[in-house]
Amino acid sequence: AAALAKLCGAALAGDFHGDVFVGAVVVSPTTTNVSFGLGQLDPGARWLKEAPGENAAYARAMRDFRTAVDAKQKNMSDAARFAIASDWQNGRLDVEKLSGNDVPSTTDTAMTCTDGLDTYFQSLADNKPVFVKKFENDPTRGNGLCLSRGVTKGETLWAEAPLVSAQTFENAKVTMACAWCHRSVGTIDAGLDLASGRVGSVFEAATQSMRQTDGVASGDGPNNAEDNLKKKSETTVSTLPGFEVCSEIPAITPCRHRVSRGCATLYCGDECLVQHARKGHDVACCGSGGTAFGAEPSTSTSTENQPAERLAVAAAAAFRRDCGHHDNLVLVTEIVGHIADRLVCGDDWLDATKQF
């Protein structure tokens, strides 16, 4: 591993010690992990010959970036920098100091407010053998979970729903699952065909599954979207024996823009579809790989020629193409969607962001 790093241009004082992970990525058209063979670790491999120059160019770009950031920070007075750091540390960022606008300094934009946390922790710890303790003497440790009595093997200590969740980029390409609750959807046959590579995409597998359950969506216009959803059977089918236990897997409810945008997002029912739509799905609602419009002909009145719709799809396509493989960014869109939904429902900023 040390020899490999040195060939890439790393200036090492000594060798690596312990386990080392070696991975390969491609950066065009998007950055993603790829498989590689042992032959690519040969000192004469093309990528190894190009790596030192590429890494040197990246290092220069990062130095230029840091220089620009440092120059911008130097234009701010020490007093202003100290005041902002103090406000941020205390969970109160004084917007007035930054913008000069008449904004109340109590606006909590740092999302570090702890109001209500004790009540929330207590609600989760009720009837559980644990309590939450804050490590006052070591602020880097945050909150800890402490036992209030002895416990037995298999006893539940803590159960908490995730604030946000999303399929990983790689998993979403090979699994038919609800984009909101993540339960499996669709027929067993279509799922196996997707996993084995017999069909090339989730979009194709979903089409196969909906045909098997007599629920193919032929369009997403107002005239037939509701009728298509009513056609779906409540259980899935399989031509293979022994899968009767899987009959409870729900049939597919497709994204409402499956036809006009080619969006392959799937749901287990209307409730999850609505929840995901309210909390930011449109940020990435388009065809896989960043395509703008659908792979199926639509008999409904299409909106794809409307400028606003085209711009929305173009933005979603750009996000999915350039950012969809960054799982953290996908989670960020979920967080923003949750906050926006709470604000629309009438919460103020503190209540809308408190859970985060």
Protein backbone atom coordinates (compact mmCIF):
# COMPACT_ATOMS: atom_id res chain seq x y z
CA ALA A 1 0.00 0.00 0.00
CA ALA A 2 2.86 2.40 0.79
CA ALA A 3 4.50 1.65 -2.57
CA LEU A 4 1.16 2.30 -4.32
CA ALA A 5 0.73 5.64 -2.51
CA LYS A 6 4.26 6.72 -3.42
CA LEU A 7 3.63 5.88 -7.07
CA CYS A 8 0.61 8.20 -6.89
CA GLY A 9 2.84 11.04 -5.73
CA ALA A 10 2.31 10.90 -1.96
CA ALA A 11 5.29 12.11 0.08
CA LEU A 12 5.49 9.49 2.85
CA ALA A 13 8.02 9.53 5.66
CA GLY A 14 7.52 5.80 6.31
CA ASP A 15 5.31 2.81 5.59
CA PHE A 16 1.66 2.29 6.51
CA HIS A 17 0.92 0.15 9.56
CA GLY A 18 -2.26 -1.86 10.06
CA ASP A 19 -5.04 -2.59 7.57
CA VAL A 20 -5.27 -0.46 4.45
CA PHE A 21 -8.27 -0.18 2.13
CA VAL A 22 -7.62 0.37 -1.57
CA GLY A 23 -10.58 1.46 -3.67
CA ALA A 24 -11.11 2.72 -7.22
CA VAL A 25 -13.42 5.48 -8.43
CA VAL A 26 -14.22 7.09 -11.74
CA VAL A 27 -15.02 10.81 -11.90
CA SER A 28 -16.69 11.01 -15.31
CA PRO A 29 -19.57 11.36 -16.00
CA THR A 30 -20.13 11.09 -12.23
CA THR A 31 -17.95 10.06 -9.30
CA THR A 32 -18.70 6.46 -8.31
CA ASN A 33 -16.93 3.36 -7.01
CA VAL A 34 -15.83 0.80 -9.61
CA SER A 35 -14.29 -2.66 -9.59
CA PHE A 36 -10.67 -3.16 -10.58
CA GLY A 37 -8.34 -6.08 -11.27
CA LEU A 38 -4.94 -6.87 -9.79
CA GLY A 39 -3.37 -5.88 -13.11
CA GLN A 40 -4.27 -2.28 -12.39
CA LEU A 41 -1.93 -2.32 -9.39
CA ASP A 42 1.03 -2.92 -11.68
CA PRO A 43 3.52 0.00 -11.62
CA GLY A 44 3.15 0.32 -15.40
CA ALA A 45 -0.64 0.79 -15.30
CA ARG A 46 -1.78 3.89 -17.19
CA TRP A 47 -3.71 5.38 -14.29
CA LEU A 48 -0.67 5.07 -12.00
CA LYS A 49 1.46 6.96 -14.51
CA GLU A 50 -1.13 9.75 -14.71
CA ALA A 51 -1.90 9.89 -10.97
CA PRO A 52 1.06 12.06 -9.79
CA GLY A 53 0.23 14.83 -12.27
CA GLU A 54 -3.50 14.70 -11.53
CA ASN A 55 -2.92 14.76 -7.77
CA ALA A 56 -0.48 17.66 -8.10
CA ALA A 57 -3.05 19.64 -10.10
CA TYR A 58 -5.70 18.90 -7.46
CA ALA A 59 -3.33 20.03 -4.69
CA ARG A 60 -2.67 23.31 -6.51
CA ALA A 61 -6.41 23.91 -6.92
CA MET A 62 -6.99 23.28 -3.22
CA ARG A 63 -4.15 25.65 -2.27
CA ASP A 64 -5.69 28.36 -4.47
CA PHE A 65 -9.07 27.75 -2.83
CA ARG A 66 -7.64 28.01 0.69
CA THR A 67 -5.76 31.18 -0.29
CA ALA A 68 -9.00 32.74 -1.53
CA VAL A 69 -10.84 31.77 1.68
CA ASP A 70 -8.03 33.18 3.85
CA ALA A 71 -8.05 36.44 1.89
CA LYS A 72 -11.81 36.79 2.39
CA GLN A 73 -11.52 36.15 6.13
CA LYS A 74 -8.78 38.79 6.51
CA ASN A 75 -11.22 41.46 5.34
CA MET A 76 -13.32 40.87 8.49
CA SER A 77 -12.34 42.58 11.72
CA ASP A 78 -11.27 40.47 14.70
CA ALA A 79 -14.18 41.85 16.74
CA ALA A 80 -16.74 40.83 14.11
CA ARG A 81 -15.16 37.38 13.73
CA PHE A 82 -15.19 36.85 17.52
CA ALA A 83 -18.81 37.99 17.83
CA ILE A 84 -20.01 35.66 15.09
CA ALA A 85 -18.07 32.72 16.52
CA SER A 86 -19.50 33.40 19.98
CA ASP A 87 -23.08 33.63 18.70
CA TRP A 88 -22.68 30.47 16.65
CA GLN A 89 -21.22 28.59 19.62
CA ASN A 90 -24.17 29.62 21.77
CA GLY A 91 -26.70 28.59 19.13
CA ARG A 92 -27.63 32.19 18.33
CA LEU A 93 -26.35 33.65 15.11
CA ASP A 94 -26.99 37.40 15.02
CA VAL A 95 -28.11 37.94 11.44
CA GLU A 96 -28.11 41.71 11.98
CA LYS A 97 -24.33 41.70 12.40
CA LEU A 98 -23.89 39.94 9.07
CA SER A 99 -26.42 41.69 6.86
CA GLY A 100 -27.09 45.02 8.54
CA ASN A 101 -30.83 44.31 8.29
CA ASP A 102 -33.21 44.83 11.17
CA VAL A 103 -33.48 41.14 12.11
CA PRO A 104 -33.98 40.08 15.75
CA SER A 105 -30.73 38.70 17.14
CA THR A 106 -32.64 35.82 18.79
CA THR A 107 -33.20 34.11 15.45
CA ASP A 108 -31.72 30.62 15.81
CA THR A 109 -30.17 29.85 12.43
CA ALA A 110 -27.34 27.66 13.68
CA MET A 111 -29.69 24.75 14.51
CA THR A 112 -27.83 24.14 17.78
CA CYS A 113 -30.74 24.98 20.11
CA THR A 114 -31.29 22.35 22.81
CA ASP A 115 -34.78 23.49 23.88
CA GLY A 116 -37.08 20.50 24.32
CA LEU A 117 -34.36 17.85 24.12
CA ASP A 118 -34.77 16.73 27.73
CA THR A 119 -38.50 16.19 27.23
CA TYR A 120 -37.84 14.30 23.98
CA PHE A 121 -35.20 12.06 25.58
CA GLN A 122 -37.51 11.35 28.51
CA SER A 123 -40.31 10.30 26.15
CA LEU A 124 -38.02 7.70 24.58
CA ALA A 125 -36.66 6.49 27.94
CA ASP A 126 -40.08 5.99 29.57
CA ASN A 127 -40.44 2.37 30.73
CA LYS A 128 -36.88 1.69 29.54
CA PRO A 129 -33.92 0.82 31.82
CA VAL A 130 -31.92 3.84 30.65
CA PHE A 131 -31.63 7.61 31.01
CA VAL A 132 -29.76 10.27 29.04
CA LYS A 133 -26.87 12.01 30.75
CA LYS A 134 -24.97 15.01 29.47
CA PHE A 135 -21.21 14.93 30.03
CA GLU A 136 -20.83 18.40 31.54
CA ASN A 137 -17.07 18.09 32.14
CA ASP A 138 -16.30 17.04 28.56
CA PRO A 139 -18.30 18.98 25.95
CA THR A 140 -16.81 16.90 23.13
CA ARG A 141 -18.69 13.82 24.37
CA GLY A 142 -22.20 15.26 24.16
CA ASN A 143 -25.00 13.06 25.57
CA GLY A 144 -24.57 9.53 26.83
CA LEU A 145 -26.93 6.64 27.57
CA CYS A 146 -26.71 5.27 31.12
CA LEU A 147 -28.40 2.26 32.71
CA SER A 148 -30.83 2.84 35.56
CA ARG A 149 -31.02 -0.86 36.50
CA GLY A 150 -29.76 -4.25 35.49
CA VAL A 151 -30.80 -5.58 32.08
CA THR A 152 -31.40 -8.99 30.58
CA LYS A 153 -30.15 -10.39 27.29
CA GLY A 154 -32.31 -9.29 24.37
CA GLU A 155 -33.99 -6.45 26.28
CA THR A 156 -34.66 -3.26 24.26
CA LEU A 157 -32.73 -0.30 25.67
CA TRP A 158 -33.60 2.42 23.15
CA ALA A 159 -35.78 2.72 20.06
CA GLU A 160 -35.88 5.83 17.92
CA ALA A 161 -37.14 6.44 14.40
CA PRO A 162 -34.60 7.99 11.99
CA LEU A 163 -35.00 11.71 11.39
CA VAL A 164 -34.44 11.19 7.66
CA SER A 165 -33.51 8.18 5.56
CA ALA A 166 -32.70 7.37 1.95
CA GLN A 167 -31.52 4.43 -0.11
CA THR A 168 -27.87 4.52 -1.06
CA PHE A 169 -27.17 5.33 -4.69
CA GLU A 170 -25.90 1.84 -5.46
CA ASN A 171 -28.76 0.05 -3.68
CA ALA A 172 -31.42 2.15 -5.41
CA LYS A 173 -30.19 0.90 -8.80
CA VAL A 174 -30.78 -2.78 -8.02
CA THR A 175 -33.67 -2.86 -5.54
CA MET A 176 -37.37 -2.13 -5.86
CA ALA A 177 -38.26 -0.39 -2.62
CA CYS A 178 -40.55 2.37 -1.41
CA ALA A 179 -38.65 5.65 -1.56
CA TRP A 180 -40.28 6.85 1.66
CA CYS A 181 -40.55 3.89 4.08
CA HIS A 182 -38.08 1.60 2.21
CA ARG A 183 -40.18 -1.56 2.38
CA SER A 184 -39.91 -3.91 -0.59
CA VAL A 185 -42.47 -3.44 -3.36
CA GLY A 186 -43.44 -5.22 -6.57
CA THR A 187 -43.55 -8.81 -7.70
CA ILE A 188 -40.96 -11.40 -6.72
CA ASP A 189 -40.28 -12.27 -10.36
CA ALA A 190 -39.50 -8.67 -11.32
CA GLY A 191 -37.28 -8.25 -8.27
CA LEU A 192 -35.29 -11.39 -9.10
CA ASP A 193 -34.94 -10.32 -12.74
CA LEU A 194 -33.57 -6.97 -11.59
CA ALA A 195 -31.13 -8.51 -9.10
CA SER A 196 -29.85 -11.03 -11.64
CA GLY A 197 -29.41 -8.47 -14.42
CA ARG A 198 -32.09 -9.90 -16.71
CA VAL A 199 -33.65 -6.44 -16.79
CA GLY A 200 -31.43 -3.41 -16.99
CA SER A 201 -33.05 -0.90 -14.64
CA VAL A 202 -35.54 -0.34 -11.82
CA PHE A 203 -37.77 1.45 -14.34
CA GLU A 204 -37.97 -1.69 -16.53
CA ALA A 205 -38.46 -3.99 -13.52
CA ALA A 206 -41.28 -1.79 -12.21
CA THR A 207 -42.97 -1.84 -15.62
CA GLN A 208 -42.79 -5.67 -15.62
CA SER A 209 -44.14 -5.83 -12.06
CA MET A 210 -47.07 -3.52 -12.76
CA ARG A 211 -48.01 -5.56 -15.83
CA GLN A 212 -48.03 -8.70 -13.68
CA THR A 213 -50.43 -7.04 -11.25
CA ASP A 214 -52.58 -5.45 -14.01
CA GLY A 215 -51.62 -1.99 -12.85
CA VAL A 216 -49.51 -0.44 -15.57
CA ALA A 217 -49.58 3.34 -15.43
CA SER A 218 -50.23 4.56 -18.97
CA GLY A 219 -50.01 8.22 -18.09
CA ASP A 220 -49.88 10.68 -15.26
CA GLY A 221 -52.43 13.23 -16.36
CA PRO A 222 -55.55 14.01 -14.37
CA ASN A 223 -57.78 11.82 -16.53
CA ASN A 224 -56.21 8.46 -15.80
CA ALA A 225 -53.80 8.64 -12.87
CA GLU A 226 -56.47 7.78 -10.29
CA ASP A 227 -57.93 5.00 -12.44
CA ASN A 228 -54.49 3.42 -12.90
CA LEU A 229 -53.88 3.33 -9.15
CA LYS A 230 -57.30 1.73 -8.53
CA LYS A 231 -56.44 -1.10 -10.94
CA LYS A 232 -53.54 -2.34 -8.84
CA SER A 233 -54.05 -5.54 -6.89
CA GLU A 234 -53.26 -5.43 -3.19
CA THR A 235 -50.82 -8.36 -3.27
CA THR A 236 -48.01 -9.46 -5.53
CA VAL A 237 -47.56 -12.68 -7.48
CA SER A 238 -44.76 -15.04 -8.46
CA THR A 239 -44.53 -17.83 -10.99
CA LEU A 240 -42.00 -19.57 -8.71
CA PRO A 241 -43.08 -22.06 -6.01
CA GLY A 242 -42.38 -21.41 -2.34
CA PHE A 243 -42.88 -17.64 -2.37
CA GLU A 244 -46.38 -17.62 -0.89
CA VAL A 245 -44.97 -16.03 2.27
CA CYS A 246 -44.10 -12.96 0.19
CA SER A 247 -47.72 -12.31 -0.78
CA GLU A 248 -47.87 -9.41 1.69
CA ILE A 249 -45.33 -7.35 -0.27
CA PRO A 250 -47.35 -4.41 -1.60
CA ALA A 251 -47.84 -3.73 -5.28
CA ILE A 252 -46.09 -0.73 -6.81
CA THR A 253 -47.45 2.79 -6.69
CA PRO A 254 -45.36 4.72 -9.26
CA CYS A 255 -44.25 8.32 -9.00
CA ARG A 256 -46.94 10.67 -10.30
CA HIS A 257 -44.42 11.88 -12.92
CA ARG A 258 -43.33 8.41 -14.09
CA VAL A 259 -44.55 9.02 -17.65
CA SER A 260 -43.96 12.72 -18.26
CA ARG A 261 -40.54 12.79 -16.55
CA GLY A 262 -39.49 9.15 -16.67
CA CYS A 263 -39.05 9.10 -12.89
CA ALA A 264 -38.40 5.56 -11.64
CA THR A 265 -39.17 6.33 -7.97
CA LEU A 266 -41.50 3.74 -6.42
CA TYR A 267 -43.82 3.68 -3.40
CA CYS A 268 -45.76 1.10 -1.41
CA GLY A 269 -48.93 3.20 -1.50
CA ASP A 270 -50.47 6.61 -1.92
CA GLU A 271 -49.64 7.72 1.64
CA CYS A 272 -45.88 7.34 1.16
CA LEU A 273 -46.11 8.99 -2.28
CA VAL A 274 -47.79 12.05 -0.77
CA GLN A 275 -45.38 12.24 2.18
CA HIS A 276 -42.33 12.09 -0.11
CA ALA A 277 -43.82 14.69 -2.47
CA ARG A 278 -44.42 17.05 0.48
CA LYS A 279 -40.87 16.63 1.75
CA GLY A 280 -38.72 17.31 -1.28
CA HIS A 281 -38.97 14.50 -3.84
CA ASP A 282 -39.28 16.99 -6.72
CA VAL A 283 -35.64 18.00 -6.17
CA ALA A 284 -34.67 14.78 -7.96
CA CYS A 285 -37.88 13.85 -9.80
CA CYS A 286 -36.73 12.86 -13.29
CA GLY A 287 -35.46 9.90 -15.26
CA SER A 288 -32.53 7.84 -14.00
CA GLY A 289 -29.14 9.13 -15.03
CA GLY A 290 -30.48 12.66 -15.34
CA THR A 291 -32.75 12.18 -18.35
CA ALA A 292 -35.39 14.84 -18.59
CA PHE A 293 -38.49 13.10 -19.90
CA GLY A 294 -40.05 9.68 -19.82
CA ALA A 295 -39.40 6.44 -21.58
CA GLU A 296 -43.07 5.63 -22.10
CA PRO A 297 -45.47 7.37 -24.50
CA SER A 298 -48.20 9.29 -22.75
CA THR A 299 -51.79 9.55 -23.89
CA SER A 300 -52.53 12.22 -21.32
CA THR A 301 -52.20 15.96 -21.70
CA SER A 302 -48.49 16.48 -21.21
CA THR A 303 -46.97 19.43 -19.40
CA GLU A 304 -43.47 18.89 -20.73
CA ASN A 305 -43.69 21.87 -23.11
CA GLN A 306 -44.47 24.31 -20.34
CA PRO A 307 -41.38 26.41 -19.49
CA ALA A 308 -41.77 26.06 -15.72
CA GLU A 309 -42.08 22.28 -15.95
CA ARG A 310 -39.08 22.02 -18.25
CA LEU A 311 -36.96 24.11 -15.88
CA ALA A 312 -38.04 22.01 -12.88
CA VAL A 313 -37.12 18.78 -14.66
CA ALA A 314 -33.81 20.22 -15.87
CA ALA A 315 -32.90 21.15 -12.30
CA ALA A 316 -33.89 17.70 -11.03
CA ALA A 317 -31.91 16.05 -13.84
CA ALA A 318 -28.81 18.08 -12.99
CA PHE A 319 -29.10 17.17 -9.30
CA ARG A 320 -29.58 13.46 -9.97
CA ARG A 321 -26.81 13.36 -12.58
CA ASP A 322 -24.18 15.31 -10.64
CA CYS A 323 -25.19 14.83 -7.00
CA GLY A 324 -27.39 11.72 -6.82
CA HIS A 325 -24.44 9.44 -6.04
CA HIS A 326 -23.52 11.54 -2.98
CA ASP A 327 -25.66 9.91 -0.29
CA ASN A 328 -25.07 12.76 2.18
CA LEU A 329 -26.44 15.31 -0.28
CA VAL A 330 -29.54 13.18 -0.79
CA LEU A 331 -30.06 13.15 2.98
CA VAL A 332 -29.62 16.94 3.04
CA THR A 333 -32.48 17.32 0.54
CA GLU A 334 -34.64 15.18 2.84
CA ILE A 335 -33.78 17.43 5.81
CA VAL A 336 -34.58 20.60 3.86
CA GLY A 337 -37.86 19.03 2.72
CA HIS A 338 -38.84 18.18 6.31
CA ILE A 339 -38.06 21.72 7.50
CA ALA A 340 -39.95 23.32 4.60
CA ASP A 341 -42.98 21.10 5.26
CA ARG A 342 -43.04 22.10 8.95
CA LEU A 343 -42.80 25.79 8.02
CA VAL A 344 -45.69 25.40 5.56
CA CYS A 345 -47.71 23.76 8.34
CA GLY A 346 -47.26 26.87 10.51
CA ASP A 347 -44.23 26.03 12.68
CA ASP A 348 -41.75 28.79 13.40
CA TRP A 349 -38.07 28.27 12.60
CA LEU A 350 -37.17 26.93 16.04
CA ASP A 351 -39.92 24.29 16.05
CA ALA A 352 -39.31 23.31 12.40
CA THR A 353 -35.59 22.70 12.98
CA LYS A 354 -35.67 21.45 16.58
CA GLN A 355 -35.50 17.74 15.71
CA PHE A 356 -32.32 18.33 13.73
